[in-house]
Amino acid sequence: MRIFNRRTVLAAIGTVAALSALPFAASAQDALPELKIMAPASAGGGWDSAARSLQQAMTASGAVRSVQVTNVTGAGGTIGLAQFVNDASGSADQLMVGGLVMVGAIISNKSPVNLTQVTPLARLTGDPLVIVVPKDSELKTVQDLAKNVKDDTASTLWAGGSAGGADQILATLFAKAAGANPAQVNYVAFSGGGEALAAMLGGRVTAGISGYSEFEGQIKSGDLRALALSSPERFEGIDVPTLKEQGIDVELVNWRGLFAGPNVSAEDKAKLSAAVEKTVKSPQWAEILKARGWSDYYAPSEEFTPFIASETTRIHDVLKSVGLAE
């Protein structure tokens, strides 16, 4: 029979404690110590929400121990981009949220900085845009709208967000696909979704465009009629057909992505990419996507980088057709 004295008991306790601490120690070692994420827009907007959602999911999943979010507003994100390019060069702990709207703003504002000067890290989410008409509109289908746009482009009034943004880009692509002259598209830019919604509910415009979540309540109540989604495929839980399903060869997703600074080393980029991948594959991130109505559009750096290049070319051509780019 083995006799346990105080020394052997303490030694055993110490061994168990050390073994039980190993997974935690390994997890803590794998986690990045801290990150700063810039949202190049004011608090409460899409990029700010994405940055703060990342903050929540990164810390909860153990990918990063501490995350700080900052806001830099102005010019469709290009002011924040310029600051990020200057401040985050070679940095292993600074990231920036951006997206489709920034691509358009860079082009339309003739920004001296662009996304080739930062390091694309990951595409995160993609929201479908929806084309709607007032409930009393004579336009019952997306083909009715296409005919209206082709026959009388200038008299077809579109309501949406800021000039050069995703909403105007979709209106222009739609007009082109309908056989109309994109330069004649009559697009009314509203500073807020509430103003655009009021114009549609009041019957002062022909059609409106925004993210589906912006109009979901009015669509479900019947105050607005959803004609089509701009996504390549239908989204789960949204009973609205896509443009492509209805013979309009147009697709556009309002994507958001994450960028590291210029001149980031391959080693640091790999660590940042691993932290992001761990985050977006976590149950915490899945819960956030569901709660916010966002769609998973994740793509790692090697896919995200050529995607940005192709989007930049496409958006430039669209904005040039309406006189917002050279």
Protein backbone atom coordinates (compact mmCIF):
# COMPACT_ATOMS: atom_id res chain seq x y z
CA MET A 1 0.00 0.00 0.00
CA ARG A 2 1.36 3.38 -1.03
CA ILE A 3 1.53 6.03 1.69
CA PHE A 4 0.82 9.63 0.66
CA ASN A 5 2.55 12.27 2.69
CA ARG A 6 2.09 16.01 2.45
CA ARG A 7 4.95 16.38 -0.02
CA THR A 8 3.64 13.80 -2.49
CA VAL A 9 0.09 15.17 -2.27
CA LEU A 10 1.29 18.70 -3.02
CA ALA A 11 3.41 17.42 -5.88
CA ALA A 12 0.41 15.59 -7.34
CA ILE A 13 -1.78 18.65 -7.02
CA GLY A 14 0.88 20.72 -8.74
CA THR A 15 1.14 18.23 -11.60
CA VAL A 16 -2.64 18.19 -12.15
CA ALA A 17 -2.78 21.98 -12.04
CA ALA A 18 0.02 22.24 -14.57
CA LEU A 19 -1.63 19.75 -16.92
CA SER A 20 -5.02 21.42 -16.67
CA ALA A 21 -3.46 24.76 -17.48
CA LEU A 22 -1.82 23.53 -20.69
CA PRO A 23 -4.82 24.03 -23.05
CA PHE A 24 -5.42 27.50 -21.68
CA ALA A 25 -1.74 28.35 -21.99
CA ALA A 26 -1.68 27.09 -25.56
CA SER A 27 -4.83 29.07 -26.36
CA ALA A 28 -3.44 32.21 -24.79
CA GLN A 29 -0.21 31.75 -26.70
CA ASP A 30 -2.06 31.35 -30.01
CA ALA A 31 -4.17 34.46 -29.45
CA LEU A 32 -2.88 37.79 -30.73
CA PRO A 33 -2.26 40.14 -27.80
CA GLU A 34 -4.11 43.15 -29.17
CA LEU A 35 -5.55 44.77 -32.28
CA LYS A 36 -6.78 48.18 -33.32
CA ILE A 37 -9.56 48.20 -35.92
CA MET A 38 -10.43 51.39 -37.76
CA ALA A 39 -13.97 51.96 -38.97
CA PRO A 40 -13.56 54.74 -41.59
CA ALA A 41 -17.06 56.06 -40.91
CA SER A 42 -19.18 57.40 -38.09
CA ALA A 43 -20.54 55.28 -35.26
CA GLY A 44 -23.65 53.27 -36.02
CA GLY A 45 -23.05 52.66 -39.72
CA GLY A 46 -22.28 49.42 -41.52
CA TRP A 47 -18.51 49.60 -41.21
CA ASP A 48 -18.70 50.61 -37.57
CA SER A 49 -21.07 47.72 -36.88
CA ALA A 50 -18.71 45.33 -38.66
CA ALA A 51 -15.70 46.58 -36.68
CA ARG A 52 -17.48 46.30 -33.33
CA SER A 53 -18.89 42.89 -34.23
CA LEU A 54 -15.35 41.74 -35.02
CA GLN A 55 -14.22 43.16 -31.70
CA GLN A 56 -16.84 41.09 -29.92
CA ALA A 57 -16.24 37.86 -31.84
CA MET A 58 -12.44 38.06 -31.79
CA THR A 59 -12.23 38.36 -28.04
CA ALA A 60 -15.04 35.87 -27.34
CA SER A 61 -13.50 33.25 -29.65
CA GLY A 62 -10.04 33.69 -28.18
CA ALA A 63 -8.50 34.84 -31.46
CA VAL A 64 -7.37 38.16 -29.93
CA ARG A 65 -7.09 39.13 -26.28
CA SER A 66 -7.91 42.83 -26.65
CA VAL A 67 -9.48 44.79 -29.54
CA GLN A 68 -9.94 48.55 -29.76
CA VAL A 69 -12.21 50.20 -32.37
CA THR A 70 -11.71 53.76 -33.62
CA ASN A 71 -13.78 55.86 -36.03
CA VAL A 72 -12.46 58.22 -38.70
CA THR A 73 -15.26 59.80 -40.74
CA GLY A 74 -15.55 61.42 -44.14
CA ALA A 75 -15.60 61.09 -47.93
CA GLY A 76 -16.88 57.54 -48.21
CA GLY A 77 -14.06 56.17 -46.09
CA THR A 78 -11.22 57.74 -48.07
CA ILE A 79 -10.15 60.07 -45.23
CA GLY A 80 -9.78 57.09 -42.95
CA LEU A 81 -8.00 55.16 -45.70
CA ALA A 82 -5.43 57.94 -46.12
CA GLN A 83 -4.78 58.01 -42.38
CA PHE A 84 -4.50 54.22 -42.29
CA VAL A 85 -1.99 54.15 -45.13
CA ASN A 86 0.22 56.62 -43.25
CA ASP A 87 -0.14 55.19 -39.74
CA ALA A 88 -0.35 51.43 -40.26
CA SER A 89 2.63 50.79 -42.55
CA GLY A 90 4.39 47.62 -41.41
CA SER A 91 2.06 47.33 -38.41
CA ALA A 92 1.16 43.91 -37.05
CA ASP A 93 -1.68 45.16 -34.87
CA GLN A 94 -3.77 47.54 -37.01
CA LEU A 95 -6.67 46.66 -39.31
CA MET A 96 -9.30 48.63 -41.23
CA VAL A 97 -12.82 47.74 -42.34
CA GLY A 98 -13.86 48.76 -45.86
CA GLY A 99 -16.12 47.69 -48.67
CA LEU A 100 -17.84 48.31 -51.98
CA VAL A 101 -18.80 51.87 -51.05
CA MET A 102 -15.13 52.73 -50.49
CA VAL A 103 -14.24 51.47 -53.97
CA GLY A 104 -16.82 53.83 -55.45
CA ALA A 105 -15.73 56.73 -53.25
CA ILE A 106 -12.07 56.32 -54.20
CA ILE A 107 -13.00 56.56 -57.87
CA SER A 108 -15.63 59.31 -57.70
CA ASN A 109 -13.62 61.46 -55.25
CA LYS A 110 -10.41 61.02 -57.25
CA SER A 111 -8.75 59.95 -54.01
CA PRO A 112 -4.94 60.15 -53.92
CA VAL A 113 -4.93 56.84 -52.00
CA ASN A 114 -6.57 53.57 -53.01
CA LEU A 115 -6.84 49.95 -51.96
CA THR A 116 -3.67 48.90 -53.80
CA GLN A 117 -1.78 50.71 -51.04
CA VAL A 118 -3.07 48.46 -48.25
CA THR A 119 -3.05 44.70 -47.69
CA PRO A 120 -6.36 42.89 -48.38
CA LEU A 121 -6.77 40.41 -45.54
CA ALA A 122 -10.26 38.91 -45.87
CA ARG A 123 -13.69 39.51 -47.36
CA LEU A 124 -16.18 39.14 -44.54
CA THR A 125 -19.85 39.73 -45.34
CA GLY A 126 -22.03 40.37 -48.36
CA ASP A 127 -25.46 41.94 -48.22
CA PRO A 128 -27.93 41.70 -51.10
CA LEU A 129 -29.50 44.89 -52.38
CA VAL A 130 -33.20 44.89 -53.12
CA ILE A 131 -35.14 46.83 -55.75
CA VAL A 132 -38.54 47.95 -54.50
CA VAL A 133 -41.50 49.99 -55.76
CA PRO A 134 -44.37 51.62 -53.80
CA LYS A 135 -47.28 49.30 -53.09
CA ASP A 136 -49.59 51.19 -55.48
CA SER A 137 -47.09 51.21 -58.35
CA GLU A 138 -48.28 50.03 -61.74
CA LEU A 139 -44.96 48.23 -62.09
CA LYS A 140 -45.71 44.70 -60.92
CA THR A 141 -42.56 42.88 -62.05
CA VAL A 142 -38.91 43.63 -62.63
CA GLN A 143 -39.57 43.27 -66.38
CA ASP A 144 -42.15 46.06 -66.10
CA LEU A 145 -39.50 48.23 -64.48
CA ALA A 146 -36.94 47.33 -67.15
CA LYS A 147 -39.37 48.36 -69.90
CA ASN A 148 -40.12 51.61 -68.08
CA VAL A 149 -36.41 52.37 -67.76
CA LYS A 150 -35.73 51.60 -71.42
CA ASP A 151 -38.72 53.55 -72.77
CA ASP A 152 -38.33 56.62 -70.56
CA THR A 153 -35.02 56.53 -68.74
CA ALA A 154 -34.97 60.14 -67.55
CA SER A 155 -38.50 60.00 -66.10
CA THR A 156 -37.77 56.88 -64.07
CA LEU A 157 -36.77 58.24 -60.66
CA TRP A 158 -34.56 56.04 -58.48
CA ALA A 159 -34.13 56.62 -54.75
CA GLY A 160 -31.10 55.41 -52.85
CA GLY A 161 -28.09 56.29 -50.74
CA SER A 162 -25.10 58.50 -51.45
CA ALA A 163 -23.97 59.33 -54.99
CA GLY A 164 -21.49 56.80 -56.34
CA GLY A 165 -22.50 54.21 -53.74
CA ALA A 166 -23.79 50.68 -54.14
CA ASP A 167 -27.39 51.80 -54.74
CA GLN A 168 -26.53 54.08 -57.67
CA ILE A 169 -24.17 51.46 -59.07
CA LEU A 170 -27.00 48.93 -59.15
CA ALA A 171 -29.42 51.42 -60.75
CA THR A 172 -26.85 52.07 -63.47
CA LEU A 173 -26.14 48.38 -64.08
CA PHE A 174 -29.88 47.71 -64.25
CA ALA A 175 -30.44 50.49 -66.79
CA LYS A 176 -27.60 49.22 -68.95
CA ALA A 177 -28.95 45.65 -68.85
CA ALA A 178 -32.40 46.98 -69.77
CA GLY A 179 -30.98 48.59 -72.91
CA ALA A 180 -31.10 52.18 -71.64
CA ASN A 181 -28.38 54.82 -71.73
CA PRO A 182 -26.72 54.77 -68.26
CA ALA A 183 -25.86 58.47 -68.58
CA GLN A 184 -29.58 59.29 -68.53
CA VAL A 185 -30.35 57.45 -65.27
CA ASN A 186 -32.23 59.80 -62.95
CA TYR A 187 -30.90 58.88 -59.54
CA VAL A 188 -31.85 60.84 -56.41
CA ALA A 189 -29.28 60.43 -53.62
CA PHE A 190 -30.62 60.66 -50.07
CA SER A 191 -28.37 61.18 -47.07
CA GLY A 192 -30.27 58.65 -44.95
CA GLY A 193 -32.38 55.56 -45.45
CA GLY A 194 -35.32 57.22 -43.72
CA GLU A 195 -35.50 59.98 -46.33
CA ALA A 196 -35.36 57.53 -49.21
CA LEU A 197 -38.02 55.40 -47.56
CA ALA A 198 -40.31 58.41 -47.10
CA ALA A 199 -39.94 59.30 -50.79
CA MET A 200 -40.94 55.78 -51.78
CA LEU A 201 -43.84 55.49 -49.36
CA GLY A 202 -45.05 58.86 -50.60
CA GLY A 203 -44.94 57.73 -54.22
CA ARG A 204 -42.52 60.50 -55.19
CA VAL A 205 -40.08 58.12 -56.91
CA THR A 206 -40.46 55.21 -59.31
CA ALA A 207 -38.25 52.71 -57.53
CA GLY A 208 -35.82 52.45 -54.66
CA ILE A 209 -32.68 50.51 -53.83
CA SER A 210 -31.10 49.64 -50.51
CA GLY A 211 -29.88 46.71 -48.46
CA TYR A 212 -32.71 44.24 -47.91
CA SER A 213 -32.61 44.69 -44.15
CA GLU A 214 -33.32 48.43 -44.55
CA PHE A 215 -36.67 47.78 -46.24
CA GLU A 216 -37.56 44.42 -44.71
CA GLY A 217 -40.24 45.80 -42.40
CA GLN A 218 -42.04 47.71 -45.16
CA ILE A 219 -41.76 44.76 -47.55
CA LYS A 220 -43.33 42.41 -45.02
CA SER A 221 -46.06 44.93 -44.17
CA GLY A 222 -46.91 45.33 -47.85
CA ASP A 223 -46.07 49.06 -48.03
CA LEU A 224 -43.30 48.30 -50.51
CA ARG A 225 -43.20 45.62 -53.20
CA ALA A 226 -39.86 43.84 -53.61
CA LEU A 227 -39.14 43.12 -57.26
CA ALA A 228 -35.69 41.56 -57.12
CA LEU A 229 -32.50 40.93 -55.18
CA SER A 230 -29.15 41.82 -56.70
CA SER A 231 -27.32 38.76 -55.36
CA PRO A 232 -26.08 35.89 -57.58
CA GLU A 233 -28.39 33.47 -55.75
CA ARG A 234 -31.39 33.71 -53.44
CA PHE A 235 -30.69 34.27 -49.78
CA GLU A 236 -32.05 31.91 -47.17
CA GLY A 237 -35.13 33.32 -45.49
CA ILE A 238 -35.75 36.00 -48.15
CA ASP A 239 -38.61 35.12 -50.51
CA VAL A 240 -37.56 37.46 -53.31
CA PRO A 241 -36.20 36.27 -56.68
CA THR A 242 -32.89 37.51 -58.03
CA LEU A 243 -32.47 39.72 -61.08
CA LYS A 244 -30.75 36.88 -62.91
CA GLU A 245 -33.68 34.54 -62.25
CA GLN A 246 -35.89 37.05 -64.03
CA GLY A 247 -33.70 37.53 -67.09
CA ILE A 248 -31.76 40.63 -66.00
CA ASP A 249 -28.05 39.76 -66.21
CA VAL A 250 -26.92 41.85 -63.24
CA GLU A 251 -25.48 40.92 -59.87
CA LEU A 252 -24.08 43.12 -57.13
CA VAL A 253 -23.27 42.33 -53.51
CA ASN A 254 -22.58 45.08 -50.98
CA TRP A 255 -19.51 43.42 -49.47
CA ARG A 256 -17.40 44.35 -46.45
CA GLY A 257 -13.79 43.35 -45.95
CA LEU A 258 -10.80 43.72 -43.69
CA PHE A 259 -7.43 45.24 -44.56
CA ALA A 260 -4.00 45.34 -42.95
CA GLY A 261 -1.59 48.22 -43.52
CA PRO A 262 1.02 48.57 -46.25
CA ASN A 263 4.33 46.69 -46.07
CA VAL A 264 3.13 44.08 -43.57
CA SER A 265 5.59 41.21 -43.32
CA ALA A 266 4.57 37.77 -44.54
CA GLU A 267 4.83 36.43 -40.99
CA ASP A 268 2.57 39.14 -39.54
CA LYS A 269 0.10 38.79 -42.38
CA ALA A 270 -0.13 35.05 -41.72
CA LYS A 271 -0.81 35.65 -38.01
CA LEU A 272 -3.47 38.26 -38.74
CA SER A 273 -5.10 36.02 -41.35
CA ALA A 274 -5.18 33.11 -38.91
CA ALA A 275 -6.85 35.26 -36.26
CA VAL A 276 -9.48 36.44 -38.74
CA GLU A 277 -10.14 32.91 -40.01
CA LYS A 278 -10.54 31.63 -36.44
CA THR A 279 -13.00 34.44 -35.79
CA VAL A 280 -15.20 33.98 -38.87
CA LYS A 281 -15.40 30.22 -38.30
CA SER A 282 -16.40 30.62 -34.66
CA PRO A 283 -19.93 30.11 -33.27
CA GLN A 284 -19.74 33.65 -31.89
CA TRP A 285 -19.41 35.07 -35.42
CA ALA A 286 -22.20 32.84 -36.69
CA GLU A 287 -24.50 34.22 -34.00
CA ILE A 288 -23.60 37.80 -34.96
CA LEU A 289 -24.32 37.14 -38.65
CA LYS A 290 -27.71 35.72 -37.77
CA ALA A 291 -28.60 38.53 -35.37
CA ARG A 292 -27.63 41.29 -37.82
CA GLY A 293 -29.02 39.62 -40.93
CA TRP A 294 -25.62 39.56 -42.61
CA SER A 295 -24.59 36.89 -45.09
CA ASP A 296 -21.31 35.04 -44.80
CA TYR A 297 -19.14 36.09 -47.75
CA TYR A 298 -15.78 35.06 -46.36
CA ALA A 299 -12.82 34.84 -48.69
CA PRO A 300 -9.16 34.70 -47.58
CA SER A 301 -6.51 37.12 -48.79
CA GLU A 302 -5.50 35.11 -51.85
CA GLU A 303 -9.09 35.26 -53.16
CA PHE A 304 -9.96 38.69 -51.81
CA THR A 305 -7.04 40.46 -53.52
CA PRO A 306 -8.00 39.66 -57.15
CA PHE A 307 -11.67 40.21 -56.25
CA ILE A 308 -10.90 43.83 -55.28
CA ALA A 309 -9.05 44.38 -58.55
CA SER A 310 -11.98 43.10 -60.61
CA GLU A 311 -14.51 45.11 -58.55
CA THR A 312 -12.44 48.27 -59.00
CA THR A 313 -12.43 47.86 -62.78
CA ARG A 314 -16.15 47.12 -62.90
CA ILE A 315 -17.17 50.00 -60.62
CA HIS A 316 -14.92 52.43 -62.51
CA ASP A 317 -16.66 51.54 -65.77
CA VAL A 318 -20.10 52.02 -64.17
CA LEU A 319 -19.25 55.39 -62.62
CA LYS A 320 -17.61 56.58 -65.83
CA SER A 321 -20.84 55.83 -67.71
CA VAL A 322 -22.73 58.27 -65.45
CA GLY A 323 -20.05 60.96 -65.41
CA LEU A 324 -18.70 60.25 -61.93
CA ALA A 325 -15.31 59.01 -63.12
CA GLU A 326 -12.86 59.86 -65.85
